[in-house]
PDB file of N, CA and C in Angstrom:
ATOM      1  N   MET A   1     121.656  73.890  64.539  1.00  0.00           N
ATOM      2  CA  MET A   1     122.442  72.730  64.390  1.00  0.00           C
ATOM      3  C   MET A   1     122.839  72.221  65.713  1.00  0.00           C
ATOM      4  N   THR A   2     122.587  70.994  66.057  1.00  0.00           N
ATOM      5  CA  THR A   2     122.964  70.403  67.427  1.00  0.00           C
ATOM      6  C   THR A   2     124.337  69.811  67.352  1.00  0.00           C
ATOM      7  N   SER A   3     125.098  69.906  68.410  1.00  0.00           N
ATOM      8  CA  SER A   3     126.419  69.329  68.371  1.00  0.00           C
ATOM      9  C   SER A   3     126.430  68.136  68.958  1.00  0.00           C
ATOM     10  N   TYR A   4     127.643  67.325  68.906  1.00  0.00           N
ATOM     11  CA  TYR A   4     127.640  66.102  69.616  1.00  0.00           C
ATOM     12  C   TYR A   4     127.624  65.986  71.077  1.00  0.00           C
ATOM     13  N   LEU A   5     128.011  67.107  71.737  1.00  0.00           N
ATOM     14  CA  LEU A   5     127.712  67.183  73.094  1.00  0.00           C
ATOM     15  C   LEU A   5     126.228  67.307  73.488  1.00  0.00           C
ATOM     16  N   ASP A   6     125.624  68.170  72.751  1.00  0.00           N
ATOM     17  CA  ASP A   6     124.135  68.239  73.005  1.00  0.00           C
ATOM     18  C   ASP A   6     123.320  66.952  72.939  1.00  0.00           C
ATOM     19  N   THR A   7     123.853  65.968  72.158  1.00  0.00           N
ATOM     20  CA  THR A   7     122.967  64.761  71.976  1.00  0.00           C
ATOM     21  C   THR A   7     123.481  63.725  73.036  1.00  0.00           C
ATOM     22  N   LYS A   8     124.646  63.903  73.583  1.00  0.00           N
ATOM     23  CA  LYS A   8     125.115  62.992  74.801  1.00  0.00           C
ATOM     24  C   LYS A   8     124.118  63.112  76.041  1.00  0.00           C
ATOM     25  N   LYS A   9     123.782  62.012  76.569  1.00  0.00           N
ATOM     26  CA  LYS A   9     123.030  61.958  77.680  1.00  0.00           C
ATOM     27  C   LYS A   9     123.854  62.399  78.870  1.00  0.00           C
ATOM     28  N   LYS A  10     123.433  63.495  79.689  1.00  0.00           N
ATOM     29  CA  LYS A  10     124.254  63.863  80.929  1.00  0.00           C
ATOM     30  C   LYS A  10     123.738  63.050  82.174  1.00  0.00           C
ATOM     31  N   ARG A  11     124.784  62.488  82.625  1.00  0.00           N
ATOM     32  CA  ARG A  11     124.558  61.641  83.845  1.00  0.00           C
ATOM     33  C   ARG A  11     125.088  62.344  85.048  1.00  0.00           C
ATOM     34  N   LYS A  12     124.266  62.302  86.141  1.00  0.00           N
ATOM     35  CA  LYS A  12     124.535  63.139  87.230  1.00  0.00           C
ATOM     36  C   LYS A  12     125.851  62.568  88.067  1.00  0.00           C
ATOM     37  N   TYR A  13     125.907  61.125  88.008  1.00  0.00           N
ATOM     38  CA  TYR A  13     127.002  60.534  88.842  1.00  0.00           C
ATOM     39  C   TYR A  13     127.827  59.792  87.782  1.00  0.00           C
ATOM     40  N   SER A  14     128.651  60.513  87.079  1.00  0.00           N
ATOM     41  CA  SER A  14     129.277  59.827  85.968  1.00  0.00           C
ATOM     42  C   SER A  14     130.626  60.570  85.610  1.00  0.00           C
ATOM     43  N   ILE A  15     131.917  60.028  85.820  1.00  0.00           N
ATOM     44  CA  ILE A  15     133.176  60.651  85.207  1.00  0.00           C
ATOM     45  C   ILE A  15     133.587  59.604  84.280  1.00  0.00           C
ATOM     46  N   GLY A  16     133.151  59.731  83.048  1.00  0.00           N
ATOM     47  CA  GLY A  16     133.585  58.803  82.117  1.00  0.00           C
ATOM     48  C   GLY A  16     133.016  57.530  82.431  1.00  0.00           C
ATOM     49  N   VAL A  17     133.772  56.406  82.472  1.00  0.00           N
ATOM     50  CA  VAL A  17     133.179  55.024  82.897  1.00  0.00           C
ATOM     51  C   VAL A  17     133.217  54.902  84.408  1.00  0.00           C
ATOM     52  N   LEU A  18     133.793  55.950  85.237  1.00  0.00           N
ATOM     53  CA  LEU A  18     133.716  55.944  86.626  1.00  0.00           C
ATOM     54  C   LEU A  18     132.413  56.413  87.198  1.00  0.00           C
ATOM     55  N   ARG A  19     131.900  55.760  88.170  1.00  0.00           N
ATOM     56  CA  ARG A  19     130.586  56.180  88.700  1.00  0.00           C
ATOM     57  C   ARG A  19     130.840  57.070  89.868  1.00  0.00           C
ATOM     58  N   GLY A  20     130.426  58.213  89.721  1.00  0.00           N
ATOM     59  CA  GLY A  20     130.716  59.207  90.890  1.00  0.00           C
ATOM     60  C   GLY A  20     130.894  60.615  90.377  1.00  0.00           C
ATOM     61  N   LEU A  21     131.123  61.618  91.361  1.00  0.00           N
ATOM     62  CA  LEU A  21     131.397  62.909  90.996  1.00  0.00           C
ATOM     63  C   LEU A  21     132.709  63.333  91.226  1.00  0.00           C
ATOM     64  N   SER A  22     133.296  64.232  90.629  1.00  0.00           N
ATOM     65  CA  SER A  22     134.431  64.798  90.743  1.00  0.00           C
ATOM     66  C   SER A  22     134.414  65.745  92.018  1.00  0.00           C
ATOM     67  N   THR A  23     135.385  66.185  92.714  1.00  0.00           N
ATOM     68  CA  THR A  23     135.437  67.050  93.844  1.00  0.00           C
ATOM     69  C   THR A  23     134.749  68.418  93.582  1.00  0.00           C
ATOM     70  N   ALA A  24     134.824  68.965  92.461  1.00  0.00           N
ATOM     71  CA  ALA A  24     134.264  70.143  92.095  1.00  0.00           C
ATOM     72  C   ALA A  24     132.698  69.886  91.901  1.00  0.00           C
ATOM     73  N   GLN A  25     132.315  68.909  91.301  1.00  0.00           N
ATOM     74  CA  GLN A  25     130.887  68.454  91.022  1.00  0.00           C
ATOM     75  C   GLN A  25     130.275  68.303  92.557  1.00  0.00           C
ATOM     76  N   ALA A  26     130.952  67.416  93.366  1.00  0.00           N
ATOM     77  CA  ALA A  26     130.486  67.100  94.730  1.00  0.00           C
ATOM     78  C   ALA A  26     130.355  68.449  95.510  1.00  0.00           C
ATOM     79  N   ALA A  27     131.300  69.424  95.482  1.00  0.00           N
ATOM     80  CA  ALA A  27     131.192  70.678  96.069  1.00  0.00           C
ATOM     81  C   ALA A  27     129.871  71.404  95.613  1.00  0.00           C
ATOM     82  N   LYS A  28     129.689  71.444  94.394  1.00  0.00           N
ATOM     83  CA  LYS A  28     128.510  72.146  93.876  1.00  0.00           C
ATOM     84  C   LYS A  28     127.191  71.494  94.337  1.00  0.00           C
ATOM     85  N   GLU A  29     127.173  70.192  94.292  1.00  0.00           N
ATOM     86  CA  GLU A  29     126.165  69.499  94.711  1.00  0.00           C
ATOM     87  C   GLU A  29     125.833  69.593  96.271  1.00  0.00           C
ATOM     88  N   ILE A  30     126.817  69.813  97.173  1.00  0.00           N
ATOM     89  CA  ILE A  30     126.767  70.054  98.447  1.00  0.00           C
ATOM     90  C   ILE A  30     126.441  71.483  98.790  1.00  0.00           C
ATOM     91  N   GLY A  31     126.854  72.420  98.001  1.00  0.00           N
ATOM     92  CA  GLY A  31     126.609  73.717  98.264  1.00  0.00           C
ATOM     93  C   GLY A  31     127.718  74.326  99.171  1.00  0.00           C
ATOM     94  N   VAL A  32     128.943  73.815  98.902  1.00  0.00           N
ATOM     95  CA  VAL A  32     130.275  74.418  99.611  1.00  0.00           C
ATOM     96  C   VAL A  32     131.397  74.511  98.498  1.00  0.00           C
ATOM     97  N   THR A  33     132.494  75.097  98.631  1.00  0.00           N
ATOM     98  CA  THR A  33     133.542  75.214  97.978  1.00  0.00           C
ATOM     99  C   THR A  33     134.469  73.882  97.922  1.00  0.00           C
ATOM    100  N   THR A  34     135.200  73.819  96.881  1.00  0.00           N
ATOM    101  CA  THR A  34     136.159  72.567  96.818  1.00  0.00           C
ATOM    102  C   THR A  34     137.187  72.786  98.125  1.00  0.00           C
ATOM    103  N   ARG A  35     137.563  73.948  98.419  1.00  0.00           N
ATOM    104  CA  ARG A  35     138.541  74.161  99.615  1.00  0.00           C
ATOM    105  C   ARG A  35     137.785  73.626 100.821  1.00  0.00           C
ATOM    106  N   THR A  36     136.578  73.849 100.975  1.00  0.00           N
ATOM    107  CA  THR A  36     135.919  73.332 102.139  1.00  0.00           C
ATOM    108  C   THR A  36     135.789  71.983 102.302  1.00  0.00           C
ATOM    109  N   LEU A  37     135.631  71.087 101.053  1.00  0.00           N
ATOM    110  CA  LEU A  37     135.656  69.769 101.085  1.00  0.00           C
ATOM    111  C   LEU A  37     137.123  69.291 101.473  1.00  0.00           C
ATOM    112  N   PHE A  38     138.163  69.859 100.877  1.00  0.00           N
ATOM    113  CA  PHE A  38     139.410  69.439 101.282  1.00  0.00           C
ATOM    114  C   PHE A  38     139.748  69.701 102.745  1.00  0.00           C
ATOM    115  N   ARG A  39     139.336  70.890 103.359  1.00  0.00           N
ATOM    116  CA  ARG A  39     139.475  71.141 104.773  1.00  0.00           C
ATOM    117  C   ARG A  39     138.670  69.986 105.589  1.00  0.00           C
ATOM    118  N   TRP A  40     137.548  69.655 105.070  1.00  0.00           N
ATOM    119  CA  TRP A  40     136.827  68.494 106.057  1.00  0.00           C
ATOM    120  C   TRP A  40     137.534  67.302 105.841  1.00  0.00           C
ATOM    121  N   LEU A  41     138.227  66.906 104.763  1.00  0.00           N
ATOM    122  CA  LEU A  41     139.000  65.736 104.750  1.00  0.00           C
ATOM    123  C   LEU A  41     140.299  65.875 105.603  1.00  0.00           C
ATOM    124  N   GLU A  42     140.865  66.927 105.516  1.00  0.00           N
ATOM    125  CA  GLU A  42     142.058  67.122 106.336  1.00  0.00           C
ATOM    126  C   GLU A  42     141.800  66.955 107.874  1.00  0.00           C
ATOM    127  N   LEU A  43     140.654  67.577 108.263  1.00  0.00           N
ATOM    128  CA  LEU A  43     140.217  67.742 109.744  1.00  0.00           C
ATOM    129  C   LEU A  43     139.634  66.194 110.094  1.00  0.00           C
ATOM    130  N   GLY A  44     139.359  65.362 109.147  1.00  0.00           N
ATOM    131  CA  GLY A  44     138.848  64.098 109.497  1.00  0.00           C
ATOM    132  C   GLY A  44     137.368  64.090 109.638  1.00  0.00           C
ATOM    133  N   LEU A  45     136.657  65.161 109.263  1.00  0.00           N
ATOM    134  CA  LEU A  45     135.152  65.225 109.304  1.00  0.00           C
ATOM    135  C   LEU A  45     134.450  64.295 108.415  1.00  0.00           C
ATOM    136  N   LEU A  46     135.283  63.920 107.356  1.00  0.00           N
ATOM    137  CA  LEU A  46     134.764  62.989 106.196  1.00  0.00           C
ATOM    138  C   LEU A  46     135.679  62.021 105.962  1.00  0.00           C
ATOM    139  N   PRO A  47     135.238  60.790 105.826  1.00  0.00           N
ATOM    140  CA  PRO A  47     136.194  59.792 105.319  1.00  0.00           C
ATOM    141  C   PRO A  47     136.655  60.053 103.779  1.00  0.00           C
ATOM    142  N   GLU A  48     137.816  59.539 103.527  1.00  0.00           N
ATOM    143  CA  GLU A  48     138.348  59.947 102.207  1.00  0.00           C
ATOM    144  C   GLU A  48     137.574  59.109 101.167  1.00  0.00           C
ATOM    145  N   PRO A  49     136.963  59.854 100.095  1.00  0.00           N
ATOM    146  CA  PRO A  49     136.270  58.984  98.946  1.00  0.00           C
ATOM    147  C   PRO A  49     137.288  58.195  98.169  1.00  0.00           C
ATOM    148  N   ARG A  50     136.705  57.343  97.361  1.00  0.00           N
ATOM    149  CA  ARG A  50     137.571  56.551  96.625  1.00  0.00           C
ATOM    150  C   ARG A  50     138.531  57.187  95.615  1.00  0.00           C
ATOM    151  N   ARG A  51     139.664  56.967  95.555  1.00  0.00           N
ATOM    152  CA  ARG A  51     140.757  57.513  94.574  1.00  0.00           C
ATOM    153  C   ARG A  51     141.088  56.708  93.598  1.00  0.00           C
ATOM    154  N   VAL A  52     141.277  57.267  92.490  1.00  0.00           N
ATOM    155  CA  VAL A  52     141.613  56.716  91.149  1.00  0.00           C
ATOM    156  C   VAL A  52     142.722  57.337  90.699  1.00  0.00           C
ATOM    157  N   LYS A  53     143.808  56.484  90.487  1.00  0.00           N
ATOM    158  CA  LYS A  53     145.195  57.167  89.926  1.00  0.00           C
ATOM    159  C   LYS A  53     145.210  56.929  88.488  1.00  0.00           C
ATOM    160  N   MET A  54     145.450  58.042  87.787  1.00  0.00           N
ATOM    161  CA  MET A  54     145.585  57.931  86.346  1.00  0.00           C
ATOM    162  C   MET A  54     146.957  58.502  86.084  1.00  0.00           C
ATOM    163  N   PRO A  55     147.388  58.287  84.903  1.00  0.00           N
ATOM    164  CA  PRO A  55     148.876  58.653  84.531  1.00  0.00           C
ATOM    165  C   PRO A  55     149.340  60.070  84.933  1.00  0.00           C
ATOM    166  N   ALA A  56     148.426  61.043  84.857  1.00  0.00           N
ATOM    167  CA  ALA A  56     148.886  62.442  85.122  1.00  0.00           C
ATOM    168  C   ALA A  56     148.141  62.938  86.439  1.00  0.00           C
ATOM    169  N   TYR A  57     146.986  62.338  86.896  1.00  0.00           N
ATOM    170  CA  TYR A  57     146.163  62.873  87.794  1.00  0.00           C
ATOM    171  C   TYR A  57     145.846  61.728  88.872  1.00  0.00           C
ATOM    172  N   ASP A  58     145.442  62.200  89.963  1.00  0.00           N
ATOM    173  CA  ASP A  58     144.854  61.430  91.098  1.00  0.00           C
ATOM    174  C   ASP A  58     143.402  62.044  91.461  1.00  0.00           C
ATOM    175  N   TRP A  59     142.509  61.224  91.216  1.00  0.00           N
ATOM    176  CA  TRP A  59     141.091  61.655  91.193  1.00  0.00           C
ATOM    177  C   TRP A  59     140.506  61.226  92.498  1.00  0.00           C
ATOM    178  N   ARG A  60     139.815  61.949  93.149  1.00  0.00           N
ATOM    179  CA  ARG A  60     138.696  61.392  94.062  1.00  0.00           C
ATOM    180  C   ARG A  60     137.273  61.418  93.596  1.00  0.00           C
ATOM    181  N   ILE A  61     136.685  60.220  93.646  1.00  0.00           N
ATOM    182  CA  ILE A  61     135.401  59.882  93.113  1.00  0.00           C
ATOM    183  C   ILE A  61     134.514  59.911  94.177  1.00  0.00           C
ATOM    184  N   TRP A  62     133.522  61.000  94.225  1.00  0.00           N
ATOM    185  CA  TRP A  62     132.569  60.867  95.410  1.00  0.00           C
ATOM    186  C   TRP A  62     131.220  60.257  94.926  1.00  0.00           C
ATOM    187  N   SER A  63     130.916  59.316  95.733  1.00  0.00           N
ATOM    188  CA  SER A  63     129.681  58.515  95.375  1.00  0.00           C
ATOM    189  C   SER A  63     128.401  59.093  95.888  1.00  0.00           C
ATOM    190  N   ALA A  64     127.312  58.646  95.773  1.00  0.00           N
ATOM    191  CA  ALA A  64     126.025  59.303  96.398  1.00  0.00           C
ATOM    192  C   ALA A  64     126.180  59.166  97.858  1.00  0.00           C
ATOM    193  N   GLN A  65     126.824  58.125  98.411  1.00  0.00           N
ATOM    194  CA  GLN A  65     126.831  57.982  99.839  1.00  0.00           C
ATOM    195  C   GLN A  65     127.776  58.982 100.432  1.00  0.00           C
ATOM    196  N   ASP A  66     128.858  59.259  99.799  1.00  0.00           N
ATOM    197  CA  ASP A  66     129.898  60.345 100.247  1.00  0.00           C
ATOM    198  C   ASP A  66     129.134  61.640 100.205  1.00  0.00           C
ATOM    199  N   ILE A  67     128.415  61.873  99.275  1.00  0.00           N
ATOM    200  CA  ILE A  67     127.649  63.260  99.109  1.00  0.00           C
ATOM    201  C   ILE A  67     126.636  63.419 100.298  1.00  0.00           C
ATOM    202  N   GLU A  68     126.065  62.258 100.667  1.00  0.00           N
ATOM    203  CA  GLU A  68     124.877  62.349 101.889  1.00  0.00           C
ATOM    204  C   GLU A  68     125.844  62.610 103.110  1.00  0.00           C
ATOM    205  N   ARG A  69     126.880  61.940 103.288  1.00  0.00           N
ATOM    206  CA  ARG A  69     127.686  62.151 104.455  1.00  0.00           C
ATOM    207  C   ARG A  69     128.156  63.557 104.630  1.00  0.00           C
ATOM    208  N   ALA A  70     128.603  64.155 103.494  1.00  0.00           N
ATOM    209  CA  ALA A  70     129.000  65.506 103.581  1.00  0.00           C
ATOM    210  C   ALA A  70     127.946  66.496 103.781  1.00  0.00           C
ATOM    211  N   LYS A  71     126.608  66.333 103.477  1.00  0.00           N
ATOM    212  CA  LYS A  71     125.573  67.048 103.615  1.00  0.00           C
ATOM    213  C   LYS A  71     125.165  67.006 105.161  1.00  0.00           C
ATOM    214  N   ARG A  72     125.345  65.841 105.602  1.00  0.00           N
ATOM    215  CA  ARG A  72     125.157  65.748 107.218  1.00  0.00           C
ATOM    216  C   ARG A  72     125.955  66.482 108.049  1.00  0.00           C
ATOM    217  N   VAL A  73     127.324  66.428 107.555  1.00  0.00           N
ATOM    218  CA  VAL A  73     128.453  67.238 108.172  1.00  0.00           C
ATOM    219  C   VAL A  73     128.180  68.778 108.072  1.00  0.00           C
ATOM    220  N   LYS A  74     127.730  69.104 106.808  1.00  0.00           N
ATOM    221  CA  LYS A  74     127.398  70.501 106.585  1.00  0.00           C
ATOM    222  C   LYS A  74     126.437  71.078 107.638  1.00  0.00           C
ATOM    223  N   LYS A  75     125.263  70.296 107.896  1.00  0.00           N
ATOM    224  CA  LYS A  75     124.323  70.702 108.814  1.00  0.00           C
ATOM    225  C   LYS A  75     124.818  70.688 110.306  1.00  0.00           C
ATOM    226  N   THR A  76     125.834  70.125 110.691  1.00  0.00           N
ATOM    227  CA  THR A  76     126.397  70.162 112.083  1.00  0.00           C
ATOM    228  C   THR A  76     127.324  71.283 112.271  1.00  0.00           C
ATOM    229  N   ILE A  77     127.904  71.863 111.275  1.00  0.00           N
ATOM    230  CA  ILE A  77     128.937  72.912 111.484  1.00  0.00           C
ATOM    231  C   ILE A  77     128.256  74.286 111.510  1.00  0.00           C
ATOM    232  N   LYS A  78     128.746  75.033 112.655  1.00  0.00           N
ATOM    233  CA  LYS A  78     128.273  76.383 112.755  1.00  0.00           C
ATOM    234  C   LYS A  78     128.913  77.211 111.705  1.00  0.00           C
ATOM    235  N   ARG A  79     128.115  78.270 111.249  1.00  0.00           N
ATOM    236  CA  ARG A  79     128.743  79.072 110.259  1.00  0.00           C
ATOM    237  C   ARG A  79     129.108  80.408 110.668  1.00  0.00           C
ATOM    238  N   GLY A  80     129.934  81.155 110.192  1.00  0.00           N
ATOM    239  CA  GLY A  80     130.178  82.490 110.526  1.00  0.00           C
ATOM    240  C   GLY A  80     131.382  82.572 111.565  1.00  0.00           C
ATOM    241  N   ARG A  81     131.696  83.797 111.945  1.00  0.00           N
ATOM    242  CA  ARG A  81     132.620  84.017 112.946  1.00  0.00           C
ATOM    243  C   ARG A  81     132.253  84.031 114.281  1.00  0.00           C
ATOM    244  N   PRO A  82     132.983  83.544 115.211  1.00  0.00           N
ATOM    245  CA  PRO A  82     132.591  83.424 116.651  1.00  0.00           C
ATOM    246  C   PRO A  82     132.414  84.888 117.132  1.00  0.00           C
ATOM    247  N   LYS A  83     131.362  85.142 117.966  1.00  0.00           N
ATOM    248  CA  LYS A  83     131.280  86.381 118.572  1.00  0.00           C
ATOM    249  C   LYS A  83     132.342  86.841 119.591  1.00  0.00           C
ATOM    250  N   LYS A  84     132.531  88.104 119.678  1.00  0.00           N
ATOM    251  CA  LYS A  84     133.546  88.534 120.586  1.00  0.00           C
ATOM    252  C   LYS A  84     132.920  88.603 121.983  1.00  0.00           C
ATOM    253  N   ARG A  85     133.683  88.184 123.003  1.00  0.00           N
ATOM    254  CA  ARG A  85     133.171  88.269 124.390  1.00  0.00           C
ATOM    255  C   ARG A  85     133.496  89.546 124.878  1.00  0.00           C
ATOM    256  N   ASN A  86     132.529  90.165 125.744  1.00  0.00           N
ATOM    257  CA  ASN A  86     132.676  91.307 126.425  1.00  0.00           C
ATOM    258  C   ASN A  86     133.399  91.016 127.655  1.00  0.00           C
ATOM    259  N   LYS A  87     134.429  91.831 128.077  1.00  0.00           N
ATOM    260  CA  LYS A  87     135.112  91.711 129.275  1.00  0.00           C
ATOM    261  C   LYS A  87     134.643  92.592 130.276  1.00  0.00           C
TER     262      LYS A  87
END
C-alpha cells in the first residue's frame, strides 16, 4: 500500500511554497556540513541567502544561484591541516 507521501512529487528546490533549499539540504547538495556553511557566512565568503521569518523560526532559503556560489567557494578552499614547518 502506498502512502500519501509516496504519491507526492518530490521537488529539489522546494520548501513548501518557498522556492529553494533549507541549509541542511543545501549543505548536502554542496557536499559540506551545515556548520561549514554557517562558518562561510560568518567569514563573509558567501553572501547571506534570502531569509524568511516565520512565527517560531527564521529560515535561510538557498536558491540554485546560492548553491553554485557555495560550490565555487568550496573549490577555492584548501582542505586539511597546515603542515608543520621544520626549524
